[in-house]
Amino acid sequence: MSGTQIEEIMQDFIEKKINVLVCTTILESGIDIPNANTIIVENADRFGLAQLYQIRGRVGRSNRQAYAYITYRKDKMLSEDASQRLKAIKEFTEFGSGFKIATRDLQIRGAGSLFGEVQSGHMEQVGYDMYKRLLDEVVKEEKGEKVEEELEITIDLNISSYIPESYIEDQSQKIEIYQDIANCKNEENIQNIIDEIIDRFGEMPSEVNNLIEIARIKNLARSKKVIKIQSKPMGVIFTFSEFDTDNVQKLIDKYKNNIHFSAIGKPYVTLKVQKDEISEVKQLLREL
């Protein structure tokens, strides 16, 4: 179409002489039409994440309630990247999501060269989380700051914590959920992954709930310098990298004969569990 034709059609749309505008991705180029309140994107799996974000932003530009329908062909087998892009555009809907979208795009495409022309990398070679950790360490070293080693925490409790085949059949999706749960660093992360899992796969079975509880226990353990929690016949053993002896008397007063301390080798605490192992482990971690 000529520039004149495009201009005439857009003017008719703005003046409401046309109610529906059918167009290409040219729409993402900063077009601002406050009256537009609904957009339908076809074959969204073929779009980049930044494209989808820009296109979605063409509606909702006034005080009118807006709707964006991001669609793809029914029963189409999506690639891993396309699935992650659609998941991201669905997840980040609030105002000011640009930074989160850019971060997720970096996770999907991989990080490029900081000082070169390569704009994307291969996630399977390094991985986003490892890239962030390495970059953070290098920056701190260059600043002369101390780099603290992240604690590796092992949890081995007498509970079934896994994703059953009957709940998620696709192996790549299952691995993705395992990784998302493992990367949870706080309660907000955990609540977000719970909402996502239920939204995508339905109510969680007890095994997946236990997996979520393990993530919560890991976060508590990390803040208390606990590096290992293990079920044994005599009770649950908490092994520390460092232990605050000021807490000893307080714990003895509460748990009495159900708790035992040892400073041989790595300091550890043994707790005799009475009823619910998960609840009692979390309770002790909060009191340390």
Foldseek 3Di string as FASTA:
>chain_A
DDPVVVVVVVVCVLVVVDPDDDDDLVQLVPDERAVAAEEEAEQLLPDALVSVVSNQVNHPRDPDHHYYHYDYDPPDDHDPLSVQSVLQVVLDDDPPCVVVSVLSSCQSFPCADPPDDGGGDDCVVQGDVRVVLVVVVVVCVVVVHDDDDQAAAAEADPDQAAADCVQPVDPVVRVVLLVQLQPDQDPVSLVSSCVVSCVVGNDDDVNNVVSNLVSVLVNLCRVQQFRYWHQDPLAIKTFGPDHDCVLVVVVCVVQPPQKDWDPPPTTMMGGHDDPDNSVVSVVVSVSD
